[in-house]
Amino acid sequence: MPVPLLEPTLSGARVVPVLVLDDVDTALPLAEALVAGGLTTLEVTLRTPKALACAEAIAAKVPGALVGLGTLTKPEHFAQARDAGATFLVSP
């Protein structure tokens, strides 16, 4: 059974790049290139200390990007993801 709020976000995404980012200066041009290439739904994993900052920067500065956060393993990650502008969340 599809999740009602998640389905509209992901239904058009044939491929969702899963990004491990540790530098905002690298994250922004990468996200811009992916969106320009038609990959607009992006998952940033919480595997690095700068992941939240990268996700927040992409959400704020890359038009057309639907940013999700993955590898949420702690309750506080959910509020952090919301504050960073995440459109969807992935938890193992």
PDB file of N, CA and C in Angstrom:
ATOM      1  N   MET A   1       0.840  -1.177   0.000  1.00  0.00           N
ATOM      2  CA  MET A   1       0.000   0.000   0.000  1.00  0.00           C
ATOM      3  C   MET A   1       0.890   1.247   0.000  1.00  0.00           C
ATOM      4  N   PRO A   2       0.710   2.154  -0.970  1.00  0.00           N
ATOM      5  CA  PRO A   2       1.551   3.349  -1.027  1.00  0.00           C
ATOM      6  C   PRO A   2       1.254   4.315   0.113  1.00  0.00           C
ATOM      7  N   VAL A   3       2.270   5.024   0.522  1.00  0.00           N
ATOM      8  CA  VAL A   3       2.110   6.059   1.538  1.00  0.00           C
ATOM      9  C   VAL A   3       1.591   7.299   0.826  1.00  0.00           C
ATOM     10  N   PRO A   4       0.419   7.844   1.223  1.00  0.00           N
ATOM     11  CA  PRO A   4      -0.211   8.930   0.472  1.00  0.00           C
ATOM     12  C   PRO A   4       0.675  10.156   0.259  1.00  0.00           C
ATOM     13  N   LEU A   5       1.428  10.575   1.242  1.00  0.00           N
ATOM     14  CA  LEU A   5       2.234  11.776   1.085  1.00  0.00           C
ATOM     15  C   LEU A   5       3.531  11.515   0.334  1.00  0.00           C
ATOM     16  N   LEU A   6       4.006  10.308   0.373  1.00  0.00           N
ATOM     17  CA  LEU A   6       5.260   9.972  -0.290  1.00  0.00           C
ATOM     18  C   LEU A   6       5.062   9.674  -1.772  1.00  0.00           C
ATOM     19  N   GLU A   7       3.955   9.078  -2.109  1.00  0.00           N
ATOM     20  CA  GLU A   7       3.732   8.671  -3.491  1.00  0.00           C
ATOM     21  C   GLU A   7       3.815   9.831  -4.485  1.00  0.00           C
ATOM     22  N   PRO A   8       3.160  10.984  -4.245  1.00  0.00           N
ATOM     23  CA  PRO A   8       3.286  12.075  -5.225  1.00  0.00           C
ATOM     24  C   PRO A   8       4.725  12.581  -5.364  1.00  0.00           C
ATOM     25  N   THR A   9       5.479  12.527  -4.308  1.00  0.00           N
ATOM     26  CA  THR A   9       6.862  13.001  -4.349  1.00  0.00           C
ATOM     27  C   THR A   9       7.743  12.080  -5.171  1.00  0.00           C
ATOM     28  N   LEU A  10       7.579  10.793  -5.007  1.00  0.00           N
ATOM     29  CA  LEU A  10       8.492   9.838  -5.633  1.00  0.00           C
ATOM     30  C   LEU A  10       7.951   9.162  -6.886  1.00  0.00           C
ATOM     31  N   SER A  11       6.664   9.302  -7.180  1.00  0.00           N
ATOM     32  CA  SER A  11       6.086   8.541  -8.288  1.00  0.00           C
ATOM     33  C   SER A  11       6.697   8.902  -9.637  1.00  0.00           C
ATOM     34  N   GLY A  12       7.117  10.136  -9.820  1.00  0.00           N
ATOM     35  CA  GLY A  12       7.708  10.527 -11.093  1.00  0.00           C
ATOM     36  C   GLY A  12       9.202  10.305 -11.175  1.00  0.00           C
ATOM     37  N   ALA A  13       9.798   9.879 -10.095  1.00  0.00           N
ATOM     38  CA  ALA A  13      11.253   9.701 -10.061  1.00  0.00           C
ATOM     39  C   ALA A  13      11.610   8.277 -10.460  1.00  0.00           C
ATOM     40  N   ARG A  14      12.194   8.127 -11.628  1.00  0.00           N
ATOM     41  CA  ARG A  14      12.613   6.792 -12.053  1.00  0.00           C
ATOM     42  C   ARG A  14      13.917   6.396 -11.387  1.00  0.00           C
ATOM     43  N   VAL A  15      14.737   7.398 -11.085  1.00  0.00           N
ATOM     44  CA  VAL A  15      16.018   7.181 -10.421  1.00  0.00           C
ATOM     45  C   VAL A  15      16.145   8.224  -9.326  1.00  0.00           C
ATOM     46  N   VAL A  16      16.560   7.795  -8.141  1.00  0.00           N
ATOM     47  CA  VAL A  16      16.819   8.722  -7.038  1.00  0.00           C
ATOM     48  C   VAL A  16      18.293   8.586  -6.664  1.00  0.00           C
ATOM     49  N   PRO A  17      19.112   9.559  -7.040  1.00  0.00           N
ATOM     50  CA  PRO A  17      20.511   9.504  -6.627  1.00  0.00           C
ATOM     51  C   PRO A  17      20.625   9.565  -5.104  1.00  0.00           C
ATOM     52  N   VAL A  18      21.432   8.693  -4.552  1.00  0.00           N
ATOM     53  CA  VAL A  18      21.697   8.673  -3.110  1.00  0.00           C
ATOM     54  C   VAL A  18      23.084   9.283  -2.926  1.00  0.00           C
ATOM     55  N   LEU A  19      23.116  10.445  -2.268  1.00  0.00           N
ATOM     56  CA  LEU A  19      24.336  11.246  -2.194  1.00  0.00           C
ATOM     57  C   LEU A  19      24.957  11.201  -0.808  1.00  0.00           C
ATOM     58  N   VAL A  20      26.244  10.965  -0.765  1.00  0.00           N
ATOM     59  CA  VAL A  20      27.027  11.054   0.469  1.00  0.00           C
ATOM     60  C   VAL A  20      27.900  12.294   0.302  1.00  0.00           C
ATOM     61  N   LEU A  21      27.532  13.364   1.001  1.00  0.00           N
ATOM     62  CA  LEU A  21      28.163  14.671   0.795  1.00  0.00           C
ATOM     63  C   LEU A  21      28.848  15.140   2.061  1.00  0.00           C
ATOM     64  N   ASP A  22      30.019  15.737   1.892  1.00  0.00           N
ATOM     65  CA  ASP A  22      30.714  16.258   3.072  1.00  0.00           C
ATOM     66  C   ASP A  22      31.228  17.676   2.863  1.00  0.00           C
ATOM     67  N   ASP A  23      30.746  18.334   1.789  1.00  0.00           N
ATOM     68  CA  ASP A  23      31.224  19.676   1.478  1.00  0.00           C
ATOM     69  C   ASP A  23      30.148  20.426   0.690  1.00  0.00           C
ATOM     70  N   VAL A  24      29.659  21.529   1.246  1.00  0.00           N
ATOM     71  CA  VAL A  24      28.610  22.305   0.586  1.00  0.00           C
ATOM     72  C   VAL A  24      29.093  22.828  -0.765  1.00  0.00           C
ATOM     73  N   ASP A  25      30.343  23.223  -0.842  1.00  0.00           N
ATOM     74  CA  ASP A  25      30.879  23.767  -2.097  1.00  0.00           C
ATOM     75  C   ASP A  25      30.890  22.735  -3.220  1.00  0.00           C
ATOM     76  N   THR A  26      30.945  21.482  -2.881  1.00  0.00           N
ATOM     77  CA  THR A  26      30.863  20.407  -3.868  1.00  0.00           C
ATOM     78  C   THR A  26      29.414  19.985  -4.082  1.00  0.00           C
ATOM     79  N   ALA A  27      28.624  20.013  -3.020  1.00  0.00           N
ATOM     80  CA  ALA A  27      27.238  19.551  -3.079  1.00  0.00           C
ATOM     81  C   ALA A  27      26.385  20.384  -4.028  1.00  0.00           C
ATOM     82  N   LEU A  28      26.544  21.693  -3.992  1.00  0.00           N
ATOM     83  CA  LEU A  28      25.694  22.555  -4.814  1.00  0.00           C
ATOM     84  C   LEU A  28      25.886  22.331  -6.313  1.00  0.00           C
ATOM     85  N   PRO A  29      27.110  22.348  -6.839  1.00  0.00           N
ATOM     86  CA  PRO A  29      27.238  22.098  -8.277  1.00  0.00           C
ATOM     87  C   PRO A  29      26.822  20.680  -8.679  1.00  0.00           C
ATOM     88  N   LEU A  30      27.038  19.719  -7.798  1.00  0.00           N
ATOM     89  CA  LEU A  30      26.599  18.355  -8.089  1.00  0.00           C
ATOM     90  C   LEU A  30      25.079  18.311  -8.205  1.00  0.00           C
ATOM     91  N   ALA A  31      24.386  18.896  -7.234  1.00  0.00           N
ATOM     92  CA  ALA A  31      22.920  18.916  -7.259  1.00  0.00           C
ATOM     93  C   ALA A  31      22.403  19.677  -8.476  1.00  0.00           C
ATOM     94  N   GLU A  32      23.023  20.788  -8.805  1.00  0.00           N
ATOM     95  CA  GLU A  32      22.614  21.556  -9.988  1.00  0.00           C
ATOM     96  C   GLU A  32      22.760  20.719 -11.255  1.00  0.00           C
ATOM     97  N   ALA A  33      23.841  19.980 -11.367  1.00  0.00           N
ATOM     98  CA  ALA A  33      24.064  19.137 -12.542  1.00  0.00           C
ATOM     99  C   ALA A  33      23.042  18.007 -12.613  1.00  0.00           C
ATOM    100  N   LEU A  34      22.747  17.392 -11.478  1.00  0.00           N
ATOM    101  CA  LEU A  34      21.756  16.313 -11.461  1.00  0.00           C
ATOM    102  C   LEU A  34      20.382  16.829 -11.872  1.00  0.00           C
ATOM    103  N   VAL A  35      19.976  17.972 -11.317  1.00  0.00           N
ATOM    104  CA  VAL A  35      18.673  18.554 -11.659  1.00  0.00           C
ATOM    105  C   VAL A  35      18.645  18.941 -13.141  1.00  0.00           C
ATOM    106  N   ALA A  36      19.713  19.547 -13.630  1.00  0.00           N
ATOM    107  CA  ALA A  36      19.783  19.918 -15.050  1.00  0.00           C
ATOM    108  C   ALA A  36      19.677  18.688 -15.950  1.00  0.00           C
ATOM    109  N   GLY A  37      20.159  17.551 -15.470  1.00  0.00           N
ATOM    110  CA  GLY A  37      20.086  16.300 -16.216  1.00  0.00           C
ATOM    111  C   GLY A  37      18.775  15.556 -16.047  1.00  0.00           C
ATOM    112  N   GLY A  38      17.835  16.146 -15.302  1.00  0.00           N
ATOM    113  CA  GLY A  38      16.515  15.539 -15.141  1.00  0.00           C
ATOM    114  C   GLY A  38      16.333  14.707 -13.892  1.00  0.00           C
ATOM    115  N   LEU A  39      17.354  14.613 -13.063  1.00  0.00           N
ATOM    116  CA  LEU A  39      17.243  13.864 -11.804  1.00  0.00           C
ATOM    117  C   LEU A  39      16.962  14.871 -10.695  1.00  0.00           C
ATOM    118  N   THR A  40      15.681  15.098 -10.436  1.00  0.00           N
ATOM    119  CA  THR A  40      15.293  16.171  -9.517  1.00  0.00           C
ATOM    120  C   THR A  40      15.066  15.707  -8.086  1.00  0.00           C
ATOM    121  N   THR A  41      14.859  14.421  -7.883  1.00  0.00           N
ATOM    122  CA  THR A  41      14.643  13.889  -6.543  1.00  0.00           C
ATOM    123  C   THR A  41      15.968  13.349  -6.030  1.00  0.00           C
ATOM    124  N   LEU A  42      16.481  13.963  -4.966  1.00  0.00           N
ATOM    125  CA  LEU A  42      17.816  13.657  -4.459  1.00  0.00           C
ATOM    126  C   LEU A  42      17.744  13.243  -2.998  1.00  0.00           C
ATOM    127  N   GLU A  43      18.393  12.157  -2.657  1.00  0.00           N
ATOM    128  CA  GLU A  43      18.481  11.730  -1.253  1.00  0.00           C
ATOM    129  C   GLU A  43      19.892  12.000  -0.740  1.00  0.00           C
ATOM    130  N   VAL A  44      19.985  12.801   0.313  1.00  0.00           N
ATOM    131  CA  VAL A  44      21.263  13.071   0.974  1.00  0.00           C
ATOM    132  C   VAL A  44      21.306  12.203   2.225  1.00  0.00           C
ATOM    133  N   THR A  45      22.315  11.356   2.332  1.00  0.00           N
ATOM    134  CA  THR A  45      22.407  10.478   3.498  1.00  0.00           C
ATOM    135  C   THR A  45      23.073  11.202   4.664  1.00  0.00           C
ATOM    136  N   LEU A  46      22.662  10.849   5.852  1.00  0.00           N
ATOM    137  CA  LEU A  46      23.245  11.435   7.066  1.00  0.00           C
ATOM    138  C   LEU A  46      24.458  10.616   7.510  1.00  0.00           C
ATOM    139  N   ARG A  47      25.397  10.441   6.616  1.00  0.00           N
ATOM    140  CA  ARG A  47      26.594   9.646   6.910  1.00  0.00           C
ATOM    141  C   ARG A  47      27.829  10.497   7.159  1.00  0.00           C
ATOM    142  N   THR A  48      27.708  11.809   6.985  1.00  0.00           N
ATOM    143  CA  THR A  48      28.861  12.695   7.182  1.00  0.00           C
ATOM    144  C   THR A  48      28.464  13.859   8.086  1.00  0.00           C
ATOM    145  N   PRO A  49      29.424  14.491   8.725  1.00  0.00           N
ATOM    146  CA  PRO A  49      29.115  15.620   9.611  1.00  0.00           C
ATOM    147  C   PRO A  49      28.472  16.814   8.894  1.00  0.00           C
ATOM    148  N   LYS A  50      28.714  16.972   7.607  1.00  0.00           N
ATOM    149  CA  LYS A  50      28.181  18.120   6.855  1.00  0.00           C
ATOM    150  C   LYS A  50      26.916  17.793   6.059  1.00  0.00           C
ATOM    151  N   ALA A  51      26.365  16.608   6.231  1.00  0.00           N
ATOM    152  CA  ALA A  51      25.219  16.190   5.428  1.00  0.00           C
ATOM    153  C   ALA A  51      24.023  17.122   5.580  1.00  0.00           C
ATOM    154  N   LEU A  52      23.684  17.500   6.802  1.00  0.00           N
ATOM    155  CA  LEU A  52      22.537  18.394   7.005  1.00  0.00           C
ATOM    156  C   LEU A  52      22.767  19.746   6.349  1.00  0.00           C
ATOM    157  N   ALA A  53      23.957  20.292   6.493  1.00  0.00           N
ATOM    158  CA  ALA A  53      24.267  21.581   5.870  1.00  0.00           C
ATOM    159  C   ALA A  53      24.173  21.479   4.349  1.00  0.00           C
ATOM    160  N   CYS A  54      24.629  20.372   3.802  1.00  0.00           N
ATOM    161  CA  CYS A  54      24.550  20.167   2.356  1.00  0.00           C
ATOM    162  C   CYS A  54      23.095  20.075   1.902  1.00  0.00           C
ATOM    163  N   ALA A  55      22.291  19.304   2.604  1.00  0.00           N
ATOM    164  CA  ALA A  55      20.879  19.158   2.252  1.00  0.00           C
ATOM    165  C   ALA A  55      20.163  20.497   2.336  1.00  0.00           C
ATOM    166  N   GLU A  56      20.431  21.243   3.388  1.00  0.00           N
ATOM    167  CA  GLU A  56      19.793  22.549   3.561  1.00  0.00           C
ATOM    168  C   GLU A  56      20.188  23.502   2.430  1.00  0.00           C
ATOM    169  N   ALA A  57      21.447  23.505   2.059  1.00  0.00           N
ATOM    170  CA  ALA A  57      21.911  24.373   0.976  1.00  0.00           C
ATOM    171  C   ALA A  57      21.265  23.990  -0.353  1.00  0.00           C
ATOM    172  N   ILE A  58      21.181  22.706  -0.625  1.00  0.00           N
ATOM    173  CA  ILE A  58      20.558  22.256  -1.874  1.00  0.00           C
ATOM    174  C   ILE A  58      19.088  22.654  -1.897  1.00  0.00           C
ATOM    175  N   ALA A  59      18.382  22.400  -0.800  1.00  0.00           N
ATOM    176  CA  ALA A  59      16.959  22.737  -0.737  1.00  0.00           C
ATOM    177  C   ALA A  59      16.728  24.231  -0.950  1.00  0.00           C
ATOM    178  N   ALA A  60      17.624  25.051  -0.431  1.00  0.00           N
ATOM    179  CA  ALA A  60      17.453  26.500  -0.505  1.00  0.00           C
ATOM    180  C   ALA A  60      17.951  27.103  -1.815  1.00  0.00           C
ATOM    181  N   LYS A  61      18.946  26.483  -2.435  1.00  0.00           N
ATOM    182  CA  LYS A  61      19.637  27.155  -3.539  1.00  0.00           C
ATOM    183  C   LYS A  61      19.565  26.461  -4.894  1.00  0.00           C
ATOM    184  N   VAL A  62      18.964  25.285  -4.943  1.00  0.00           N
ATOM    185  CA  VAL A  62      18.899  24.573  -6.228  1.00  0.00           C
ATOM    186  C   VAL A  62      17.433  24.450  -6.642  1.00  0.00           C
ATOM    187  N   PRO A  63      16.977  25.358  -7.503  1.00  0.00           N
ATOM    188  CA  PRO A  63      15.579  25.311  -7.940  1.00  0.00           C
ATOM    189  C   PRO A  63      15.252  23.976  -8.610  1.00  0.00           C
ATOM    190  N   GLY A  64      14.100  23.440  -8.263  1.00  0.00           N
ATOM    191  CA  GLY A  64      13.653  22.190  -8.860  1.00  0.00           C
ATOM    192  C   GLY A  64      14.100  20.936  -8.146  1.00  0.00           C
ATOM    193  N   ALA A  65      14.987  21.066  -7.167  1.00  0.00           N
ATOM    194  CA  ALA A  65      15.458  19.890  -6.427  1.00  0.00           C
ATOM    195  C   ALA A  65      14.461  19.520  -5.338  1.00  0.00           C
ATOM    196  N   LEU A  66      14.104  18.248  -5.290  1.00  0.00           N
ATOM    197  CA  LEU A  66      13.314  17.699  -4.187  1.00  0.00           C
ATOM    198  C   LEU A  66      14.300  16.938  -3.312  1.00  0.00           C
ATOM    199  N   VAL A  67      14.594  17.501  -2.168  1.00  0.00           N
ATOM    200  CA  VAL A  67      15.643  16.955  -1.311  1.00  0.00           C
ATOM    201  C   VAL A  67      15.035  16.076  -0.233  1.00  0.00           C
ATOM    202  N   GLY A  68      15.550  14.867  -0.131  1.00  0.00           N
ATOM    203  CA  GLY A  68      15.186  13.977   0.957  1.00  0.00           C
ATOM    204  C   GLY A  68      16.418  13.663   1.775  1.00  0.00           C
ATOM    205  N   LEU A  69      16.199  13.233   2.991  1.00  0.00           N
ATOM    206  CA  LEU A  69      17.309  12.831   3.855  1.00  0.00           C
ATOM    207  C   LEU A  69      17.181  11.357   4.166  1.00  0.00           C
ATOM    208  N   GLY A  70      18.297  10.653   4.071  1.00  0.00           N
ATOM    209  CA  GLY A  70      18.318   9.227   4.355  1.00  0.00           C
ATOM    210  C   GLY A  70      19.241   8.891   5.501  1.00  0.00           C
ATOM    211  N   THR A  71      19.149   7.656   5.934  1.00  0.00           N
ATOM    212  CA  THR A  71      19.938   7.135   7.049  1.00  0.00           C
ATOM    213  C   THR A  71      19.558   7.834   8.351  1.00  0.00           C
ATOM    214  N   LEU A  72      18.280   8.104   8.525  1.00  0.00           N
ATOM    215  CA  LEU A  72      17.807   8.673   9.786  1.00  0.00           C
ATOM    216  C   LEU A  72      17.744   7.548  10.807  1.00  0.00           C
ATOM    217  N   THR A  73      18.550   7.655  11.850  1.00  0.00           N
ATOM    218  CA  THR A  73      18.644   6.582  12.839  1.00  0.00           C
ATOM    219  C   THR A  73      18.343   7.037  14.258  1.00  0.00           C
ATOM    220  N   LYS A  74      18.131   8.326  14.451  1.00  0.00           N
ATOM    221  CA  LYS A  74      17.858   8.858  15.786  1.00  0.00           C
ATOM    222  C   LYS A  74      16.612   9.729  15.733  1.00  0.00           C
ATOM    223  N   PRO A  75      15.840   9.780  16.808  1.00  0.00           N
ATOM    224  CA  PRO A  75      14.628  10.603  16.804  1.00  0.00           C
ATOM    225  C   PRO A  75      14.885  12.066  16.434  1.00  0.00           C
ATOM    226  N   GLU A  76      16.000  12.625  16.870  1.00  0.00           N
ATOM    227  CA  GLU A  76      16.270  14.038  16.581  1.00  0.00           C
ATOM    228  C   GLU A  76      16.531  14.295  15.094  1.00  0.00           C
ATOM    229  N   HIS A  77      16.855  13.261  14.350  1.00  0.00           N
ATOM    230  CA  HIS A  77      17.073  13.431  12.914  1.00  0.00           C
ATOM    231  C   HIS A  77      15.816  13.921  12.203  1.00  0.00           C
ATOM    232  N   PHE A  78      14.647  13.537  12.698  1.00  0.00           N
ATOM    233  CA  PHE A  78      13.409  13.915  12.024  1.00  0.00           C
ATOM    234  C   PHE A  78      13.188  15.423  12.070  1.00  0.00           C
ATOM    235  N   ALA A  79      13.388  16.043  13.213  1.00  0.00           N
ATOM    236  CA  ALA A  79      13.263  17.501  13.323  1.00  0.00           C
ATOM    237  C   ALA A  79      14.364  18.192  12.529  1.00  0.00           C
ATOM    238  N   GLN A  80      15.566  17.647  12.557  1.00  0.00           N
ATOM    239  CA  GLN A  80      16.669  18.237  11.798  1.00  0.00           C
ATOM    240  C   GLN A  80      16.379  18.182  10.296  1.00  0.00           C
ATOM    241  N   ALA A  81      15.812  17.091   9.847  1.00  0.00           N
ATOM    242  CA  ALA A  81      15.469  16.950   8.433  1.00  0.00           C
ATOM    243  C   ALA A  81      14.406  17.966   8.035  1.00  0.00           C
ATOM    244  N   ARG A  82      13.407  18.113   8.853  1.00  0.00           N
ATOM    245  CA  ARG A  82      12.361  19.104   8.585  1.00  0.00           C
ATOM    246  C   ARG A  82      12.968  20.498   8.495  1.00  0.00           C
ATOM    247  N   ASP A  83      13.812  20.828   9.457  1.00  0.00           N
ATOM    248  CA  ASP A  83      14.432  22.154   9.491  1.00  0.00           C
ATOM    249  C   ASP A  83      15.354  22.393   8.296  1.00  0.00           C
ATOM    250  N   ALA A  84      15.923  21.336   7.759  1.00  0.00           N
ATOM    251  CA  ALA A  84      16.815  21.453   6.601  1.00  0.00           C
ATOM    252  C   ALA A  84      16.047  21.574   5.287  1.00  0.00           C
ATOM    253  N   GLY A  85      14.730  21.380   5.333  1.00  0.00           N
ATOM    254  CA  GLY A  85      13.919  21.504   4.127  1.00  0.00           C
ATOM    255  C   GLY A  85      13.694  20.213   3.377  1.00  0.00           C
ATOM    256  N   ALA A  86      13.878  19.084   4.050  1.00  0.00           N
ATOM    257  CA  ALA A  86      13.692  17.789   3.387  1.00  0.00           C
ATOM    258  C   ALA A  86      12.237  17.587   2.977  1.00  0.00           C
ATOM    259  N   THR A  87      12.066  17.026   1.786  1.00  0.00           N
ATOM    260  CA  THR A  87      10.743  16.719   1.256  1.00  0.00           C
ATOM    261  C   THR A  87      10.308  15.309   1.636  1.00  0.00           C
ATOM    262  N   PHE A  88      11.280  14.417   1.817  1.00  0.00           N
ATOM    263  CA  PHE A  88      10.981  13.045   2.219  1.00  0.00           C
ATOM    264  C   PHE A  88      12.122  12.527   3.080  1.00  0.00           C
ATOM    265  N   LEU A  89      11.856  11.440   3.806  1.00  0.00           N
ATOM    266  CA  LEU A  89      12.823  10.856   4.736  1.00  0.00           C
ATOM    267  C   LEU A  89      12.943   9.359   4.471  1.00  0.00           C
ATOM    268  N   VAL A  90      14.150   8.834   4.701  1.00  0.00           N
ATOM    269  CA  VAL A  90      14.394   7.398   4.544  1.00  0.00           C
ATOM    270  C   VAL A  90      15.112   6.916   5.791  1.00  0.00           C
ATOM    271  N   SER A  91      14.575   5.865   6.382  1.00  0.00           N
ATOM    272  CA  SER A  91      15.181   5.308   7.584  1.00  0.00           C
ATOM    273  C   SER A  91      15.440   3.822   7.356  1.00  0.00           C
ATOM    274  N   PRO A  92      16.621   3.340   7.779  1.00  0.00           N
ATOM    275  CA  PRO A  92      16.910   1.919   7.565  1.00  0.00           C
ATOM    276  C   PRO A  92      15.986   1.015   8.360  1.00  0.00           C
TER     277      PRO A  92
END
